[in-house]
PDB file of N, CA and C in Angstrom:
ATOM      1  N   MET A   1     106.082 -31.557 -35.332  1.00  0.00           N
ATOM      2  CA  MET A   1     107.269 -32.120 -35.943  1.00  0.00           C
ATOM      3  C   MET A   1     108.028 -31.002 -36.661  1.00  0.00           C
ATOM      4  N   LYS A   2     109.351 -31.038 -36.573  1.00  0.00           N
ATOM      5  CA  LYS A   2     110.177 -30.045 -37.231  1.00  0.00           C
ATOM      6  C   LYS A   2     110.743 -30.625 -38.517  1.00  0.00           C
ATOM      7  N   MET A   3     110.805 -29.771 -39.555  1.00  0.00           N
ATOM      8  CA  MET A   3     111.317 -30.218 -40.844  1.00  0.00           C
ATOM      9  C   MET A   3     112.173 -29.113 -41.453  1.00  0.00           C
ATOM     10  N   ALA A   4     113.185 -29.520 -42.219  1.00  0.00           N
ATOM     11  CA  ALA A   4     114.078 -28.561 -42.862  1.00  0.00           C
ATOM     12  C   ALA A   4     113.367 -27.846 -44.005  1.00  0.00           C
ATOM     13  N   LYS A   5     113.781 -26.588 -44.276  1.00  0.00           N
ATOM     14  CA  LYS A   5     113.190 -25.818 -45.371  1.00  0.00           C
ATOM     15  C   LYS A   5     113.682 -26.311 -46.729  1.00  0.00           C
ATOM     16  N   GLU A   6     114.826 -26.998 -46.732  1.00  0.00           N
ATOM     17  CA  GLU A   6     115.397 -27.558 -47.955  1.00  0.00           C
ATOM     18  C   GLU A   6     115.665 -29.031 -47.762  1.00  0.00           C
ATOM     19  N   LEU A   7     115.430 -29.816 -48.825  1.00  0.00           N
ATOM     20  CA  LEU A   7     115.819 -31.219 -48.778  1.00  0.00           C
ATOM     21  C   LEU A   7     116.231 -31.709 -50.158  1.00  0.00           C
ATOM     22  N   ASN A   8     117.106 -32.702 -50.160  1.00  0.00           N
ATOM     23  CA  ASN A   8     117.627 -33.255 -51.401  1.00  0.00           C
ATOM     24  C   ASN A   8     116.763 -34.447 -51.789  1.00  0.00           C
ATOM     25  N   THR A   9     116.098 -34.363 -52.942  1.00  0.00           N
ATOM     26  CA  THR A   9     115.228 -35.448 -53.384  1.00  0.00           C
ATOM     27  C   THR A   9     115.192 -35.502 -54.908  1.00  0.00           C
ATOM     28  N   TYR A  10     114.572 -36.542 -55.445  1.00  0.00           N
ATOM     29  CA  TYR A  10     114.540 -36.774 -56.883  1.00  0.00           C
ATOM     30  C   TYR A  10     113.614 -35.788 -57.594  1.00  0.00           C
ATOM     31  N   CYS A  11     114.119 -35.201 -58.693  1.00  0.00           N
ATOM     32  CA  CYS A  11     113.312 -34.322 -59.532  1.00  0.00           C
ATOM     33  C   CYS A  11     113.022 -35.054 -60.835  1.00  0.00           C
ATOM     34  N   PRO A  12     111.736 -35.283 -61.159  1.00  0.00           N
ATOM     35  CA  PRO A  12     111.407 -36.020 -62.386  1.00  0.00           C
ATOM     36  C   PRO A  12     111.727 -35.261 -63.668  1.00  0.00           C
ATOM     37  N   LYS A  13     111.825 -33.932 -63.575  1.00  0.00           N
ATOM     38  CA  LYS A  13     112.148 -33.135 -64.760  1.00  0.00           C
ATOM     39  C   LYS A  13     113.656 -33.143 -65.037  1.00  0.00           C
ATOM     40  N   CYS A  14     114.454 -32.967 -63.974  1.00  0.00           N
ATOM     41  CA  CYS A  14     115.914 -33.016 -64.116  1.00  0.00           C
ATOM     42  C   CYS A  14     116.424 -34.459 -64.235  1.00  0.00           C
ATOM     43  N   ARG A  15     115.601 -35.393 -63.780  1.00  0.00           N
ATOM     44  CA  ARG A  15     115.902 -36.830 -63.760  1.00  0.00           C
ATOM     45  C   ARG A  15     117.134 -37.162 -62.929  1.00  0.00           C
ATOM     46  N   ARG A  16     117.262 -36.425 -61.828  1.00  0.00           N
ATOM     47  CA  ARG A  16     118.340 -36.698 -60.873  1.00  0.00           C
ATOM     48  C   ARG A  16     117.975 -36.064 -59.529  1.00  0.00           C
ATOM     49  N   HIS A  17     118.738 -36.379 -58.501  1.00  0.00           N
ATOM     50  CA  HIS A  17     118.503 -35.797 -57.189  1.00  0.00           C
ATOM     51  C   HIS A  17     119.035 -34.364 -57.155  1.00  0.00           C
ATOM     52  N   THR A  18     118.172 -33.445 -56.758  1.00  0.00           N
ATOM     53  CA  THR A  18     118.555 -32.037 -56.634  1.00  0.00           C
ATOM     54  C   THR A  18     118.010 -31.480 -55.330  1.00  0.00           C
ATOM     55  N   SER A  19     118.427 -30.266 -55.005  1.00  0.00           N
ATOM     56  CA  SER A  19     117.960 -29.596 -53.799  1.00  0.00           C
ATOM     57  C   SER A  19     116.564 -29.019 -54.059  1.00  0.00           C
ATOM     58  N   HIS A  20     115.653 -29.213 -53.128  1.00  0.00           N
ATOM     59  CA  HIS A  20     114.284 -28.716 -53.243  1.00  0.00           C
ATOM     60  C   HIS A  20     113.944 -27.845 -52.045  1.00  0.00           C
ATOM     61  N   SER A  21     113.188 -26.770 -52.282  1.00  0.00           N
ATOM     62  CA  SER A  21     112.685 -25.962 -51.175  1.00  0.00           C
ATOM     63  C   SER A  21     111.319 -26.504 -50.769  1.00  0.00           C
ATOM     64  N   VAL A  22     111.089 -26.593 -49.476  1.00  0.00           N
ATOM     65  CA  VAL A  22     109.871 -27.198 -48.939  1.00  0.00           C
ATOM     66  C   VAL A  22     108.928 -26.125 -48.420  1.00  0.00           C
ATOM     67  N   THR A  23     107.665 -26.184 -48.876  1.00  0.00           N
ATOM     68  CA  THR A  23     106.620 -25.320 -48.335  1.00  0.00           C
ATOM     69  C   THR A  23     105.385 -26.161 -48.066  1.00  0.00           C
ATOM     70  N   LEU A  24     104.515 -25.660 -47.214  1.00  0.00           N
ATOM     71  CA  LEU A  24     103.269 -26.354 -46.919  1.00  0.00           C
ATOM     72  C   LEU A  24     102.200 -25.920 -47.903  1.00  0.00           C
ATOM     73  N   TYR A  25     101.437 -26.876 -48.413  1.00  0.00           N
ATOM     74  CA  TYR A  25     100.337 -26.556 -49.312  1.00  0.00           C
ATOM     75  C   TYR A  25      99.178 -26.007 -48.498  1.00  0.00           C
ATOM     76  N   LYS A  26      98.612 -24.901 -48.963  1.00  0.00           N
ATOM     77  CA  LYS A  26      97.455 -24.335 -48.298  1.00  0.00           C
ATOM     78  C   LYS A  26      96.330 -24.205 -49.312  1.00  0.00           C
ATOM     79  N   LYS A  27      95.172 -24.722 -48.964  1.00  0.00           N
ATOM     80  CA  LYS A  27      94.029 -24.688 -49.856  1.00  0.00           C
ATOM     81  C   LYS A  27      93.534 -23.261 -50.036  1.00  0.00           C
ATOM     82  N   GLY A  28      93.226 -22.892 -51.267  1.00  0.00           N
ATOM     83  CA  GLY A  28      92.711 -21.566 -51.563  1.00  0.00           C
ATOM     84  C   GLY A  28      91.226 -21.476 -51.259  1.00  0.00           C
ATOM     85  N   ARG A  29      90.666 -20.294 -51.428  1.00  0.00           N
ATOM     86  CA  ARG A  29      89.247 -20.102 -51.162  1.00  0.00           C
ATOM     87  C   ARG A  29      88.424 -20.756 -52.248  1.00  0.00           C
ATOM     88  N   GLU A  30      87.351 -21.449 -51.854  1.00  0.00           N
ATOM     89  CA  GLU A  30      86.476 -22.109 -52.812  1.00  0.00           C
ATOM     90  C   GLU A  30      85.645 -21.090 -53.560  1.00  0.00           C
ATOM     91  N   ARG A  31      85.380 -21.389 -54.836  1.00  0.00           N
ATOM     92  CA  ARG A  31      84.582 -20.472 -55.650  1.00  0.00           C
ATOM     93  C   ARG A  31      83.106 -20.629 -55.312  1.00  0.00           C
ATOM     94  N   ALA A  32      82.457 -19.543 -55.010  1.00  0.00           N
ATOM     95  CA  ALA A  32      81.043 -19.566 -54.619  1.00  0.00           C
ATOM     96  C   ALA A  32      80.129 -19.737 -55.826  1.00  0.00           C
ATOM     97  N   LEU A  33      80.624 -19.445 -57.022  1.00  0.00           N
ATOM     98  CA  LEU A  33      79.800 -19.532 -58.220  1.00  0.00           C
ATOM     99  C   LEU A  33      80.121 -20.760 -59.085  1.00  0.00           C
ATOM    100  N   ALA A  34      80.832 -21.734 -58.519  1.00  0.00           N
ATOM    101  CA  ALA A  34      81.119 -22.964 -59.258  1.00  0.00           C
ATOM    102  C   ALA A  34      79.812 -23.736 -59.468  1.00  0.00           C
ATOM    103  N   ALA A  35      79.735 -24.495 -60.553  1.00  0.00           N
ATOM    104  CA  ALA A  35      78.502 -25.194 -60.932  1.00  0.00           C
ATOM    105  C   ALA A  35      78.011 -26.133 -59.834  1.00  0.00           C
ATOM    106  N   GLY A  36      78.916 -26.882 -59.218  1.00  0.00           N
ATOM    107  CA  GLY A  36      78.540 -27.827 -58.166  1.00  0.00           C
ATOM    108  C   GLY A  36      77.992 -27.148 -56.932  1.00  0.00           C
ATOM    109  N   VAL A  37      78.553 -26.012 -56.590  1.00  0.00           N
ATOM    110  CA  VAL A  37      78.109 -25.243 -55.412  1.00  0.00           C
ATOM    111  C   VAL A  37      76.699 -24.710 -55.650  1.00  0.00           C
ATOM    112  N   ARG A  38      76.457 -24.184 -56.872  1.00  0.00           N
ATOM    113  CA  ARG A  38      75.137 -23.650 -57.206  1.00  0.00           C
ATOM    114  C   ARG A  38      74.087 -24.761 -57.218  1.00  0.00           C
ATOM    115  N   ARG A  39      74.471 -25.922 -57.762  1.00  0.00           N
ATOM    116  CA  ARG A  39      73.553 -27.057 -57.833  1.00  0.00           C
ATOM    117  C   ARG A  39      73.184 -27.542 -56.423  1.00  0.00           C
ATOM    118  N   HIS A  40      74.203 -27.640 -55.557  1.00  0.00           N
ATOM    119  CA  HIS A  40      73.971 -28.101 -54.188  1.00  0.00           C
ATOM    120  C   HIS A  40      73.097 -27.117 -53.424  1.00  0.00           C
ATOM    121  N   GLU A  41      73.276 -25.840 -53.678  1.00  0.00           N
ATOM    122  CA  GLU A  41      72.479 -24.807 -53.023  1.00  0.00           C
ATOM    123  C   GLU A  41      71.004 -24.941 -53.398  1.00  0.00           C
ATOM    124  N   LEU A  42      70.735 -25.261 -54.659  1.00  0.00           N
ATOM    125  CA  LEU A  42      69.356 -25.480 -55.104  1.00  0.00           C
ATOM    126  C   LEU A  42      68.751 -26.724 -54.472  1.00  0.00           C
ATOM    127  N   GLU A  43      69.572 -27.779 -54.342  1.00  0.00           N
ATOM    128  CA  GLU A  43      69.086 -29.039 -53.770  1.00  0.00           C
ATOM    129  C   GLU A  43      68.778 -28.909 -52.285  1.00  0.00           C
ATOM    130  N   LYS A  44      69.425 -27.973 -51.617  1.00  0.00           N
ATOM    131  CA  LYS A  44      69.187 -27.753 -50.192  1.00  0.00           C
ATOM    132  C   LYS A  44      67.835 -27.072 -49.938  1.00  0.00           C
ATOM    133  N   HIS A  45      67.346 -26.329 -50.919  1.00  0.00           N
ATOM    134  CA  HIS A  45      66.083 -25.620 -50.774  1.00  0.00           C
ATOM    135  C   HIS A  45      64.891 -26.539 -51.053  1.00  0.00           C
ATOM    136  N   GLY A  46      63.724 -26.097 -50.643  1.00  0.00           N
ATOM    137  CA  GLY A  46      62.495 -26.849 -50.914  1.00  0.00           C
ATOM    138  C   GLY A  46      62.307 -28.019 -49.968  1.00  0.00           C
ATOM    139  N   TYR A  47      61.437 -28.945 -50.332  1.00  0.00           N
ATOM    140  CA  TYR A  47      61.166 -30.116 -49.508  1.00  0.00           C
ATOM    141  C   TYR A  47      62.316 -31.105 -49.607  1.00  0.00           C
ATOM    142  N   GLY A  48      62.608 -31.757 -48.477  1.00  0.00           N
ATOM    143  CA  GLY A  48      63.685 -32.747 -48.469  1.00  0.00           C
ATOM    144  C   GLY A  48      64.941 -32.238 -47.780  1.00  0.00           C
ATOM    145  N   GLY A  49      65.157 -30.932 -47.843  1.00  0.00           N
ATOM    146  CA  GLY A  49      66.285 -30.331 -47.127  1.00  0.00           C
ATOM    147  C   GLY A  49      67.645 -30.761 -47.650  1.00  0.00           C
ATOM    148  N   GLN A  50      68.545 -31.064 -46.728  1.00  0.00           N
ATOM    149  CA  GLN A  50      69.924 -31.427 -47.056  1.00  0.00           C
ATOM    150  C   GLN A  50      69.971 -32.712 -47.861  1.00  0.00           C
ATOM    151  N   LYS A  51      70.793 -32.718 -48.930  1.00  0.00           N
ATOM    152  CA  LYS A  51      70.863 -33.880 -49.827  1.00  0.00           C
ATOM    153  C   LYS A  51      71.589 -35.053 -49.172  1.00  0.00           C
ATOM    154  N   TRP A  52      72.685 -34.746 -48.462  1.00  0.00           N
ATOM    155  CA  TRP A  52      73.403 -35.792 -47.733  1.00  0.00           C
ATOM    156  C   TRP A  52      73.629 -35.324 -46.301  1.00  0.00           C
ATOM    157  N   PRO A  53      73.882 -36.249 -45.371  1.00  0.00           N
ATOM    158  CA  PRO A  53      74.000 -35.857 -43.965  1.00  0.00           C
ATOM    159  C   PRO A  53      75.125 -34.848 -43.736  1.00  0.00           C
ATOM    160  N   GLU A  54      74.809 -33.796 -42.978  1.00  0.00           N
ATOM    161  CA  GLU A  54      75.835 -32.814 -42.636  1.00  0.00           C
ATOM    162  C   GLU A  54      76.707 -33.395 -41.548  1.00  0.00           C
ATOM    163  N   LEU A  55      78.028 -33.282 -41.741  1.00  0.00           N
ATOM    164  CA  LEU A  55      78.989 -33.842 -40.800  1.00  0.00           C
ATOM    165  C   LEU A  55      79.062 -32.962 -39.554  1.00  0.00           C
ATOM    166  N   LYS A  56      78.603 -33.484 -38.422  1.00  0.00           N
ATOM    167  CA  LYS A  56      78.587 -32.722 -37.181  1.00  0.00           C
ATOM    168  C   LYS A  56      79.953 -32.720 -36.509  1.00  0.00           C
ATOM    169  N   ARG A  57      80.572 -33.887 -36.423  1.00  0.00           N
ATOM    170  CA  ARG A  57      81.908 -33.962 -35.816  1.00  0.00           C
ATOM    171  C   ARG A  57      82.786 -34.905 -36.643  1.00  0.00           C
ATOM    172  N   THR A  58      84.064 -34.597 -36.689  1.00  0.00           N
ATOM    173  CA  THR A  58      84.997 -35.404 -37.466  1.00  0.00           C
ATOM    174  C   THR A  58      85.643 -36.465 -36.586  1.00  0.00           C
ATOM    175  N   ALA A  59      85.985 -37.588 -37.193  1.00  0.00           N
ATOM    176  CA  ALA A  59      86.585 -38.686 -36.453  1.00  0.00           C
ATOM    177  C   ALA A  59      88.070 -38.441 -36.207  1.00  0.00           C
ATOM    178  N   LYS A  60      88.714 -37.792 -37.159  1.00  0.00           N
ATOM    179  CA  LYS A  60      90.167 -37.578 -37.061  1.00  0.00           C
ATOM    180  C   LYS A  60      90.456 -36.257 -36.335  1.00  0.00           C
ATOM    181  N   THR A  61      91.559 -36.251 -35.578  1.00  0.00           N
ATOM    182  CA  THR A  61      91.976 -35.030 -34.878  1.00  0.00           C
ATOM    183  C   THR A  61      93.136 -34.353 -35.599  1.00  0.00           C
ATOM    184  N   THR A  62      93.730 -35.054 -36.575  1.00  0.00           N
ATOM    185  CA  THR A  62      94.868 -34.507 -37.319  1.00  0.00           C
ATOM    186  C   THR A  62      94.631 -34.656 -38.816  1.00  0.00           C
ATOM    187  N   LYS A  63      95.437 -33.937 -39.598  1.00  0.00           N
ATOM    188  CA  LYS A  63      95.380 -34.050 -41.056  1.00  0.00           C
ATOM    189  C   LYS A  63      96.755 -34.433 -41.577  1.00  0.00           C
ATOM    190  N   LYS A  64      96.760 -35.055 -42.752  1.00  0.00           N
ATOM    191  CA  LYS A  64      98.033 -35.348 -43.404  1.00  0.00           C
ATOM    192  C   LYS A  64      98.469 -34.081 -44.131  1.00  0.00           C
ATOM    193  N   GLN A  65      99.626 -33.569 -43.769  1.00  0.00           N
ATOM    194  CA  GLN A  65     100.121 -32.333 -44.358  1.00  0.00           C
ATOM    195  C   GLN A  65     100.651 -32.611 -45.760  1.00  0.00           C
ATOM    196  N   LEU A  66     100.288 -31.754 -46.711  1.00  0.00           N
ATOM    197  CA  LEU A  66     100.751 -31.880 -48.081  1.00  0.00           C
ATOM    198  C   LEU A  66     101.950 -30.958 -48.283  1.00  0.00           C
ATOM    199  N   LEU A  67     103.063 -31.539 -48.746  1.00  0.00           N
ATOM    200  CA  LEU A  67     104.288 -30.765 -48.931  1.00  0.00           C
ATOM    201  C   LEU A  67     104.467 -30.397 -50.393  1.00  0.00           C
ATOM    202  N   ARG A  68     104.865 -29.156 -50.648  1.00  0.00           N
ATOM    203  CA  ARG A  68     105.177 -28.705 -52.005  1.00  0.00           C
ATOM    204  C   ARG A  68     106.683 -28.584 -52.115  1.00  0.00           C
ATOM    205  N   LEU A  69     107.277 -29.396 -52.986  1.00  0.00           N
ATOM    206  CA  LEU A  69     108.718 -29.399 -53.161  1.00  0.00           C
ATOM    207  C   LEU A  69     109.059 -28.729 -54.490  1.00  0.00           C
ATOM    208  N   LYS A  70     109.781 -27.623 -54.438  1.00  0.00           N
ATOM    209  CA  LYS A  70     110.149 -26.890 -55.649  1.00  0.00           C
ATOM    210  C   LYS A  70     111.637 -27.082 -55.910  1.00  0.00           C
ATOM    211  N   CYS A  71     111.948 -27.566 -57.110  1.00  0.00           N
ATOM    212  CA  CYS A  71     113.330 -27.832 -57.498  1.00  0.00           C
ATOM    213  C   CYS A  71     114.089 -26.517 -57.628  1.00  0.00           C
ATOM    214  N   LYS A  72     115.295 -26.485 -57.047  1.00  0.00           N
ATOM    215  CA  LYS A  72     116.102 -25.263 -57.064  1.00  0.00           C
ATOM    216  C   LYS A  72     116.731 -25.018 -58.433  1.00  0.00           C
ATOM    217  N   SER A  73     116.988 -26.101 -59.208  1.00  0.00           N
ATOM    218  CA  SER A  73     117.670 -25.917 -60.486  1.00  0.00           C
ATOM    219  C   SER A  73     116.713 -25.610 -61.643  1.00  0.00           C
ATOM    220  N   CYS A  74     115.547 -26.286 -61.691  1.00  0.00           N
ATOM    221  CA  CYS A  74     114.639 -26.067 -62.828  1.00  0.00           C
ATOM    222  C   CYS A  74     113.327 -25.389 -62.449  1.00  0.00           C
ATOM    223  N   GLY A  75     112.981 -25.351 -61.170  1.00  0.00           N
ATOM    224  CA  GLY A  75     111.758 -24.692 -60.723  1.00  0.00           C
ATOM    225  C   GLY A  75     110.521 -25.558 -60.797  1.00  0.00           C
ATOM    226  N   TYR A  76     110.677 -26.862 -61.118  1.00  0.00           N
ATOM    227  CA  TYR A  76     109.553 -27.791 -61.206  1.00  0.00           C
ATOM    228  C   TYR A  76     109.031 -28.103 -59.809  1.00  0.00           C
ATOM    229  N   THR A  77     107.718 -28.111 -59.639  1.00  0.00           N
ATOM    230  CA  THR A  77     107.111 -28.353 -58.333  1.00  0.00           C
ATOM    231  C   THR A  77     106.438 -29.714 -58.289  1.00  0.00           C
ATOM    232  N   ILE A  78     106.763 -30.492 -57.261  1.00  0.00           N
ATOM    233  CA  ILE A  78     106.073 -31.756 -57.022  1.00  0.00           C
ATOM    234  C   ILE A  78     105.418 -31.677 -55.653  1.00  0.00           C
ATOM    235  N   GLN A  79     104.308 -32.389 -55.524  1.00  0.00           N
ATOM    236  CA  GLN A  79     103.614 -32.413 -54.240  1.00  0.00           C
ATOM    237  C   GLN A  79     103.775 -33.794 -53.631  1.00  0.00           C
ATOM    238  N   ARG A  80     104.050 -33.823 -52.349  1.00  0.00           N
ATOM    239  CA  ARG A  80     104.236 -35.086 -51.648  1.00  0.00           C
ATOM    240  C   ARG A  80     103.317 -35.123 -50.439  1.00  0.00           C
ATOM    241  N   TYR A  81     102.568 -36.222 -50.323  1.00  0.00           N
ATOM    242  CA  TYR A  81     101.659 -36.392 -49.204  1.00  0.00           C
ATOM    243  C   TYR A  81     102.480 -36.668 -47.965  1.00  0.00           C
ATOM    244  N   GLY A  82     102.305 -35.868 -46.950  1.00  0.00           N
ATOM    245  CA  GLY A  82     103.108 -35.974 -45.740  1.00  0.00           C
ATOM    246  C   GLY A  82     102.572 -36.974 -44.735  1.00  0.00           C
ATOM    247  N   VAL A  83     103.129 -36.899 -43.549  1.00  0.00           N
ATOM    248  CA  VAL A  83     102.763 -37.783 -42.451  1.00  0.00           C
ATOM    249  C   VAL A  83     101.604 -37.146 -41.701  1.00  0.00           C
ATOM    250  N   ARG A  84     100.790 -37.975 -41.067  1.00  0.00           N
ATOM    251  CA  ARG A  84      99.690 -37.462 -40.259  1.00  0.00           C
ATOM    252  C   ARG A  84     100.259 -36.892 -38.955  1.00  0.00           C
ATOM    253  N   LEU A  85     100.068 -35.582 -38.786  1.00  0.00           N
ATOM    254  CA  LEU A  85     100.581 -34.918 -37.569  1.00  0.00           C
ATOM    255  C   LEU A  85      99.772 -33.684 -37.267  1.00  0.00           C
ATOM    256  N   ARG A  86      99.892 -33.212 -36.036  1.00  0.00           N
ATOM    257  CA  ARG A  86      99.127 -32.053 -35.599  1.00  0.00           C
ATOM    258  C   ARG A  86      99.693 -30.757 -36.169  1.00  0.00           C
ATOM    259  N   LYS A  87     101.026 -30.613 -36.101  1.00  0.00           N
ATOM    260  CA  LYS A  87     101.649 -29.375 -36.537  1.00  0.00           C
ATOM    261  C   LYS A  87     102.995 -29.667 -37.183  1.00  0.00           C
ATOM    262  N   LEU A  88     103.262 -28.995 -38.298  1.00  0.00           N
ATOM    263  CA  LEU A  88     104.537 -29.146 -39.003  1.00  0.00           C
ATOM    264  C   LEU A  88     105.271 -27.815 -38.993  1.00  0.00           C
ATOM    265  N   GLU A  89     106.482 -27.808 -38.437  1.00  0.00           N
ATOM    266  CA  GLU A  89     107.299 -26.599 -38.365  1.00  0.00           C
ATOM    267  C   GLU A  89     108.395 -26.680 -39.395  1.00  0.00           C
ATOM    268  N   LEU A  90     108.440 -25.701 -40.299  1.00  0.00           N
ATOM    269  CA  LEU A  90     109.505 -25.646 -41.289  1.00  0.00           C
ATOM    270  C   LEU A  90     110.650 -24.760 -40.783  1.00  0.00           C
ATOM    271  N   GLY A  91     111.860 -25.129 -41.169  1.00  0.00           N
ATOM    272  CA  GLY A  91     113.031 -24.329 -40.796  1.00  0.00           C
ATOM    273  C   GLY A  91     113.735 -24.811 -39.560  1.00  0.00           C
ATOM    274  N   ALA A  92     113.775 -26.135 -39.393  1.00  0.00           N
ATOM    275  CA  ALA A  92     114.443 -26.707 -38.228  1.00  0.00           C
ATOM    276  C   ALA A  92     115.899 -27.012 -38.529  1.00  0.00           C
TER     277      ALA A  92
END
């Protein structure tokens, strides 16, 4: 699906419709030393093995793209859950 790099939508900070720049949200790298990761690593060791079933295959073939909308006038960023699609092209 093709989408424009800019769109006019409501900004909660400006409290009116303004122009927003659209970018795709990309997840950053997970921290290897986070408390939950360390705890899960310990639970995987010893007798009993994996704490919950490891997901072998996923049911869905697509993901819902998360859009980051940045207001051009104030710089406030809102995130909007997108439509389920295979690929999103910005700059159409």
